[in-house]
Amino acid sequence: MNRIALGLLLLSLPAFAQHTAPGQDAQYVPPHPHHHWTIDLASALVPWCRSEAEARYVALGMTPYQWRARYHDKGNALFVDGRLRVDGDDIDVRCRIARGAREEYAVIEIDDPRVQSLGQRGP
């Protein structure tokens, strides 16, 4: 019986490794290409928003830092209002998605003409 319990515990460790302890920043873990991840809480949109914003600057050879964000929901819509520091400038970042939608339907808007050439995700 103890071997079975130990085996189940060892199998569950990878699932726990993706979660963070209270007070730590959540890290966005990109999904497997065949999985469809949904976002049900505004707080779950925050790491996605940060990762997407940082990726656009890294693609331009720039180093983003000092991410901070607030999140809220309104009805069935989830929102993140974030700010990223890049080259000494504070850049506003906004993300939104419908509650329960797959992450590929999330929208990101970045108020910086330098990333406009990369295009915004969403309408």
N, C-alpha and C. Protein backbone atom coordinates (compact mmCIF):
# COMPACT_ATOMS: atom_id res chain seq x y z
N MET A 1 0.82 -1.19 0.00
CA MET A 1 0.00 0.00 0.00
C MET A 1 0.87 1.25 0.00
N ASN A 2 1.96 1.25 0.79
CA ASN A 2 2.83 2.42 0.84
C ASN A 2 3.50 2.68 -0.50
N ARG A 3 3.82 1.63 -1.23
CA ARG A 3 4.45 1.80 -2.55
C ARG A 3 3.47 2.45 -3.53
N ILE A 4 2.22 2.07 -3.43
CA ILE A 4 1.21 2.67 -4.31
C ILE A 4 1.06 4.15 -3.99
N ALA A 5 0.98 4.48 -2.71
CA ALA A 5 0.85 5.88 -2.31
C ALA A 5 2.07 6.69 -2.74
N LEU A 6 3.25 6.13 -2.58
CA LEU A 6 4.48 6.81 -2.99
C LEU A 6 4.49 7.01 -4.50
N GLY A 7 4.07 6.01 -5.24
CA GLY A 7 4.01 6.11 -6.70
C GLY A 7 3.05 7.20 -7.15
N LEU A 8 1.89 7.27 -6.52
CA LEU A 8 0.92 8.32 -6.86
C LEU A 8 1.46 9.70 -6.53
N LEU A 9 2.14 9.81 -5.41
CA LEU A 9 2.74 11.08 -5.02
C LEU A 9 3.78 11.53 -6.04
N LEU A 10 4.64 10.61 -6.46
CA LEU A 10 5.68 10.95 -7.43
C LEU A 10 5.07 11.34 -8.78
N LEU A 11 3.98 10.70 -9.17
CA LEU A 11 3.33 11.05 -10.43
C LEU A 11 2.68 12.43 -10.37
N SER A 12 2.27 12.87 -9.19
CA SER A 12 1.59 14.16 -9.07
C SER A 12 2.55 15.33 -8.92
N LEU A 13 3.83 15.09 -8.67
CA LEU A 13 4.79 16.18 -8.45
C LEU A 13 4.90 17.15 -9.62
N PRO A 14 4.92 16.70 -10.89
CA PRO A 14 5.02 17.68 -11.98
C PRO A 14 3.85 18.67 -11.98
N ALA A 15 2.67 18.24 -11.59
CA ALA A 15 1.52 19.15 -11.55
C ALA A 15 1.72 20.22 -10.49
N PHE A 16 2.30 19.85 -9.34
CA PHE A 16 2.54 20.83 -8.29
C PHE A 16 3.67 21.78 -8.64
N ALA A 17 4.60 21.34 -9.47
CA ALA A 17 5.76 22.16 -9.81
C ALA A 17 5.37 23.41 -10.59
N GLN A 18 4.22 23.40 -11.26
CA GLN A 18 3.80 24.56 -12.04
C GLN A 18 3.13 25.62 -11.19
N HIS A 19 2.79 25.33 -9.97
CA HIS A 19 2.12 26.29 -9.09
C HIS A 19 3.17 27.01 -8.26
N THR A 20 2.84 28.23 -7.85
CA THR A 20 3.78 29.00 -7.06
C THR A 20 3.24 29.13 -5.63
N ALA A 21 4.15 29.41 -4.73
CA ALA A 21 3.77 29.60 -3.34
C ALA A 21 3.10 30.96 -3.18
N PRO A 22 2.29 31.13 -2.15
CA PRO A 22 1.65 32.43 -1.93
C PRO A 22 2.70 33.54 -1.83
N GLY A 23 2.40 34.67 -2.46
CA GLY A 23 3.30 35.80 -2.43
C GLY A 23 4.32 35.81 -3.56
N GLN A 24 4.41 34.73 -4.32
CA GLN A 24 5.34 34.70 -5.45
C GLN A 24 4.59 35.03 -6.73
N ASP A 25 5.31 35.57 -7.71
CA ASP A 25 4.71 35.85 -9.01
C ASP A 25 4.43 34.55 -9.72
N ALA A 26 3.27 34.46 -10.32
CA ALA A 26 2.95 33.28 -11.11
C ALA A 26 3.73 33.36 -12.42
N GLN A 27 4.21 32.26 -12.89
CA GLN A 27 4.95 32.20 -14.14
C GLN A 27 4.05 31.60 -15.20
N TYR A 28 4.05 32.20 -16.36
CA TYR A 28 3.25 31.68 -17.46
C TYR A 28 3.95 30.48 -18.06
N VAL A 29 3.25 29.38 -18.16
CA VAL A 29 3.78 28.16 -18.77
C VAL A 29 3.05 27.97 -20.08
N PRO A 30 3.75 28.11 -21.21
CA PRO A 30 3.05 27.98 -22.49
C PRO A 30 2.46 26.59 -22.65
N PRO A 31 1.30 26.51 -23.27
CA PRO A 31 0.63 25.23 -23.42
C PRO A 31 1.28 24.38 -24.50
N HIS A 32 1.04 23.10 -24.40
CA HIS A 32 1.42 22.18 -25.46
C HIS A 32 0.58 22.55 -26.68
N PRO A 33 1.12 22.49 -27.90
CA PRO A 33 0.38 22.94 -29.07
C PRO A 33 -0.96 22.24 -29.30
N HIS A 34 -1.13 21.06 -28.74
CA HIS A 34 -2.38 20.34 -28.96
C HIS A 34 -3.37 20.53 -27.81
N HIS A 35 -2.98 21.28 -26.79
CA HIS A 35 -3.88 21.54 -25.67
C HIS A 35 -4.56 22.89 -25.87
N HIS A 36 -5.77 22.99 -25.41
CA HIS A 36 -6.51 24.24 -25.47
C HIS A 36 -6.74 24.72 -24.05
N TRP A 37 -5.93 25.68 -23.59
CA TRP A 37 -6.04 26.21 -22.24
C TRP A 37 -7.09 27.29 -22.21
N THR A 38 -7.90 27.28 -21.17
CA THR A 38 -8.89 28.33 -21.01
C THR A 38 -8.49 29.21 -19.83
N ILE A 39 -8.96 30.44 -19.88
CA ILE A 39 -8.69 31.40 -18.81
C ILE A 39 -10.03 31.74 -18.18
N ASP A 40 -10.17 31.39 -16.90
CA ASP A 40 -11.42 31.57 -16.18
C ASP A 40 -11.40 32.69 -15.16
N LEU A 41 -10.20 33.14 -14.77
CA LEU A 41 -10.07 34.19 -13.76
C LEU A 41 -9.18 35.30 -14.29
N ALA A 42 -9.47 36.53 -13.89
CA ALA A 42 -8.64 37.66 -14.32
C ALA A 42 -7.20 37.48 -13.85
N SER A 43 -7.01 36.91 -12.67
CA SER A 43 -5.65 36.70 -12.17
C SER A 43 -4.86 35.73 -13.05
N ALA A 44 -5.54 34.82 -13.72
CA ALA A 44 -4.87 33.88 -14.62
C ALA A 44 -4.45 34.54 -15.93
N LEU A 45 -5.05 35.68 -16.24
CA LEU A 45 -4.68 36.41 -17.45
C LEU A 45 -3.40 37.23 -17.25
N VAL A 46 -3.06 37.55 -16.00
CA VAL A 46 -1.89 38.39 -15.71
C VAL A 46 -0.59 37.78 -16.24
N PRO A 47 -0.24 36.52 -15.92
CA PRO A 47 1.02 35.97 -16.43
C PRO A 47 1.03 35.84 -17.96
N TRP A 48 -0.11 35.55 -18.56
CA TRP A 48 -0.19 35.49 -20.03
C TRP A 48 0.12 36.87 -20.60
N CYS A 49 -0.48 37.89 -20.04
CA CYS A 49 -0.30 39.26 -20.51
C CYS A 49 1.17 39.68 -20.40
N ARG A 50 1.77 39.40 -19.27
CA ARG A 50 3.18 39.75 -19.07
C ARG A 50 4.08 39.04 -20.08
N SER A 51 3.87 37.76 -20.25
CA SER A 51 4.69 36.98 -21.17
C SER A 51 4.56 37.48 -22.60
N GLU A 52 3.35 37.75 -23.03
CA GLU A 52 3.13 38.24 -24.39
C GLU A 52 3.77 39.61 -24.59
N ALA A 53 3.63 40.51 -23.63
CA ALA A 53 4.22 41.84 -23.75
C ALA A 53 5.75 41.76 -23.79
N GLU A 54 6.33 41.00 -22.86
CA GLU A 54 7.78 40.87 -22.83
C GLU A 54 8.32 40.25 -24.11
N ALA A 55 7.61 39.29 -24.68
CA ALA A 55 8.05 38.62 -25.90
C ALA A 55 8.18 39.60 -27.06
N ARG A 56 7.29 40.57 -27.13
CA ARG A 56 7.34 41.54 -28.22
C ARG A 56 8.60 42.41 -28.13
N TYR A 57 8.99 42.78 -26.92
CA TYR A 57 10.20 43.59 -26.76
C TYR A 57 11.47 42.76 -26.97
N VAL A 58 11.46 41.55 -26.49
CA VAL A 58 12.61 40.68 -26.70
C VAL A 58 12.81 40.44 -28.20
N ALA A 59 11.72 40.31 -28.95
CA ALA A 59 11.82 40.13 -30.40
C ALA A 59 12.49 41.33 -31.07
N LEU A 60 12.39 42.50 -30.45
CA LEU A 60 13.02 43.71 -30.98
C LEU A 60 14.42 43.93 -30.42
N GLY A 61 14.90 42.98 -29.61
CA GLY A 61 16.23 43.09 -29.02
C GLY A 61 16.27 44.01 -27.81
N MET A 62 15.13 44.28 -27.21
CA MET A 62 15.04 45.16 -26.05
C MET A 62 14.81 44.33 -24.80
N THR A 63 15.19 44.86 -23.64
CA THR A 63 15.01 44.15 -22.38
C THR A 63 13.94 44.82 -21.53
N PRO A 64 12.79 44.18 -21.38
CA PRO A 64 11.74 44.73 -20.51
C PRO A 64 11.98 44.33 -19.06
N TYR A 65 11.53 45.16 -18.14
CA TYR A 65 11.65 44.85 -16.72
C TYR A 65 10.58 45.61 -15.95
N GLN A 66 10.52 45.39 -14.65
CA GLN A 66 9.58 46.03 -13.73
C GLN A 66 8.12 45.92 -14.18
N TRP A 67 7.64 44.72 -14.34
CA TRP A 67 6.22 44.49 -14.66
C TRP A 67 5.38 44.72 -13.42
N ARG A 68 4.29 45.40 -13.57
CA ARG A 68 3.28 45.50 -12.51
C ARG A 68 1.93 45.53 -13.19
N ALA A 69 0.92 45.03 -12.49
CA ALA A 69 -0.39 44.92 -13.12
C ALA A 69 -1.50 44.91 -12.10
N ARG A 70 -2.66 45.33 -12.56
CA ARG A 70 -3.91 45.20 -11.82
C ARG A 70 -4.86 44.41 -12.70
N TYR A 71 -5.76 43.68 -12.09
CA TYR A 71 -6.71 42.92 -12.87
C TYR A 71 -8.09 43.05 -12.29
N HIS A 72 -9.09 42.87 -13.15
CA HIS A 72 -10.49 42.92 -12.71
C HIS A 72 -11.36 42.24 -13.75
N ASP A 73 -12.59 42.02 -13.37
CA ASP A 73 -13.54 41.49 -14.34
C ASP A 73 -14.76 42.40 -14.36
N LYS A 74 -15.45 42.34 -15.46
CA LYS A 74 -16.70 43.10 -15.63
C LYS A 74 -17.64 42.19 -16.40
N GLY A 75 -18.62 41.67 -15.67
CA GLY A 75 -19.51 40.70 -16.29
C GLY A 75 -18.73 39.44 -16.65
N ASN A 76 -18.75 39.09 -17.93
CA ASN A 76 -18.07 37.89 -18.40
C ASN A 76 -16.71 38.20 -19.03
N ALA A 77 -16.25 39.44 -18.90
CA ALA A 77 -14.97 39.84 -19.49
C ALA A 77 -13.91 39.99 -18.39
N LEU A 78 -12.70 39.55 -18.70
CA LEU A 78 -11.57 39.63 -17.77
C LEU A 78 -10.57 40.64 -18.33
N PHE A 79 -10.01 41.47 -17.45
CA PHE A 79 -9.12 42.55 -17.89
C PHE A 79 -7.84 42.58 -17.06
N VAL A 80 -6.75 42.97 -17.71
CA VAL A 80 -5.48 43.25 -17.04
C VAL A 80 -5.00 44.61 -17.54
N ASP A 81 -4.67 45.48 -16.61
CA ASP A 81 -4.04 46.76 -16.92
C ASP A 81 -2.64 46.69 -16.35
N GLY A 82 -1.65 46.58 -17.23
CA GLY A 82 -0.28 46.41 -16.79
C GLY A 82 0.62 47.55 -17.22
N ARG A 83 1.81 47.53 -16.68
CA ARG A 83 2.82 48.52 -17.04
C ARG A 83 4.17 47.83 -17.02
N LEU A 84 4.95 48.10 -18.05
CA LEU A 84 6.25 47.50 -18.23
C LEU A 84 7.25 48.62 -18.46
N ARG A 85 8.43 48.47 -17.93
CA ARG A 85 9.47 49.49 -18.14
C ARG A 85 10.44 48.98 -19.20
N VAL A 86 10.64 49.81 -20.24
CA VAL A 86 11.52 49.44 -21.35
C VAL A 86 12.32 50.69 -21.74
N ASP A 87 13.63 50.56 -21.73
CA ASP A 87 14.52 51.68 -22.10
C ASP A 87 14.18 52.97 -21.35
N GLY A 88 13.85 52.85 -20.08
CA GLY A 88 13.56 54.02 -19.26
C GLY A 88 12.15 54.57 -19.41
N ASP A 89 11.33 53.96 -20.25
CA ASP A 89 9.96 54.41 -20.45
C ASP A 89 8.98 53.44 -19.80
N ASP A 90 7.93 53.97 -19.18
CA ASP A 90 6.84 53.14 -18.68
C ASP A 90 5.83 52.95 -19.80
N ILE A 91 5.56 51.71 -20.14
CA ILE A 91 4.69 51.37 -21.25
C ILE A 91 3.41 50.72 -20.71
N ASP A 92 2.26 51.26 -21.10
CA ASP A 92 0.98 50.69 -20.69
C ASP A 92 0.65 49.48 -21.57
N VAL A 93 0.18 48.43 -20.91
CA VAL A 93 -0.21 47.19 -21.58
C VAL A 93 -1.59 46.82 -21.08
N ARG A 94 -2.48 46.48 -22.00
CA ARG A 94 -3.83 46.05 -21.63
C ARG A 94 -4.14 44.72 -22.30
N CYS A 95 -4.74 43.82 -21.54
CA CYS A 95 -5.15 42.53 -22.07
C CYS A 95 -6.60 42.27 -21.67
N ARG A 96 -7.29 41.49 -22.50
CA ARG A 96 -8.68 41.14 -22.18
C ARG A 96 -9.04 39.83 -22.86
N ILE A 97 -10.03 39.18 -22.26
CA ILE A 97 -10.53 37.91 -22.80
C ILE A 97 -11.89 37.64 -22.17
N ALA A 98 -12.71 36.87 -22.84
CA ALA A 98 -13.98 36.43 -22.25
C ALA A 98 -13.71 35.30 -21.27
N ARG A 99 -14.40 35.31 -20.16
CA ARG A 99 -14.24 34.26 -19.16
C ARG A 99 -14.49 32.89 -19.78
N GLY A 100 -13.54 31.98 -19.58
CA GLY A 100 -13.68 30.61 -20.09
C GLY A 100 -13.22 30.43 -21.53
N ALA A 101 -12.76 31.52 -22.18
CA ALA A 101 -12.30 31.40 -23.57
C ALA A 101 -10.90 30.79 -23.62
N ARG A 102 -10.58 30.19 -24.75
CA ARG A 102 -9.23 29.67 -24.95
C ARG A 102 -8.26 30.83 -25.07
N GLU A 103 -7.05 30.62 -24.58
CA GLU A 103 -6.06 31.71 -24.52
C GLU A 103 -5.74 32.32 -25.87
N GLU A 104 -5.90 31.58 -26.95
CA GLU A 104 -5.60 32.17 -28.26
C GLU A 104 -6.57 33.28 -28.65
N TYR A 105 -7.66 33.43 -27.89
CA TYR A 105 -8.60 34.51 -28.14
C TYR A 105 -8.35 35.74 -27.27
N ALA A 106 -7.32 35.70 -26.46
CA ALA A 106 -6.97 36.86 -25.64
C ALA A 106 -6.45 37.97 -26.54
N VAL A 107 -6.67 39.20 -26.11
CA VAL A 107 -6.25 40.37 -26.86
C VAL A 107 -5.23 41.13 -26.02
N ILE A 108 -4.16 41.60 -26.67
CA ILE A 108 -3.17 42.43 -25.99
C ILE A 108 -3.03 43.73 -26.76
N GLU A 109 -2.94 44.84 -26.03
CA GLU A 109 -2.70 46.16 -26.62
C GLU A 109 -1.54 46.79 -25.87
N ILE A 110 -0.56 47.27 -26.64
CA ILE A 110 0.63 47.89 -26.05
C ILE A 110 0.75 49.30 -26.61
N ASP A 111 0.83 50.28 -25.73
CA ASP A 111 0.92 51.68 -26.14
C ASP A 111 2.37 52.07 -26.41
N ASP A 112 2.91 51.54 -27.49
CA ASP A 112 4.29 51.85 -27.85
C ASP A 112 4.44 51.65 -29.36
N PRO A 113 4.75 52.71 -30.09
CA PRO A 113 4.87 52.57 -31.55
C PRO A 113 5.97 51.61 -31.98
N ARG A 114 6.95 51.35 -31.12
CA ARG A 114 8.02 50.42 -31.48
C ARG A 114 7.53 49.00 -31.68
N VAL A 115 6.46 48.63 -31.00
CA VAL A 115 5.96 47.26 -31.16
C VAL A 115 4.80 47.19 -32.15
N GLN A 116 4.38 48.31 -32.67
CA GLN A 116 3.27 48.30 -33.63
C GLN A 116 3.63 47.52 -34.88
N SER A 117 4.92 47.51 -35.23
CA SER A 117 5.35 46.77 -36.42
C SER A 117 5.16 45.27 -36.25
N LEU A 118 5.14 44.81 -35.00
CA LEU A 118 4.91 43.39 -34.73
C LEU A 118 3.44 43.04 -34.76
N GLY A 119 2.60 44.06 -34.71
CA GLY A 119 1.17 43.85 -34.71
C GLY A 119 0.62 43.56 -33.34
N GLN A 120 -0.60 43.96 -33.13
CA GLN A 120 -1.30 43.68 -31.88
C GLN A 120 -2.07 42.38 -32.08
N ARG A 121 -2.29 41.68 -31.01
CA ARG A 121 -3.07 40.45 -31.09
C ARG A 121 -4.50 40.79 -30.76
N GLY A 122 -5.38 40.56 -31.68
CA GLY A 122 -6.79 40.85 -31.47
C GLY A 122 -7.24 41.95 -32.39
N PRO A 123 -8.51 42.38 -32.25
CA PRO A 123 -9.07 43.40 -33.16
C PRO A 123 -8.46 44.76 -32.94
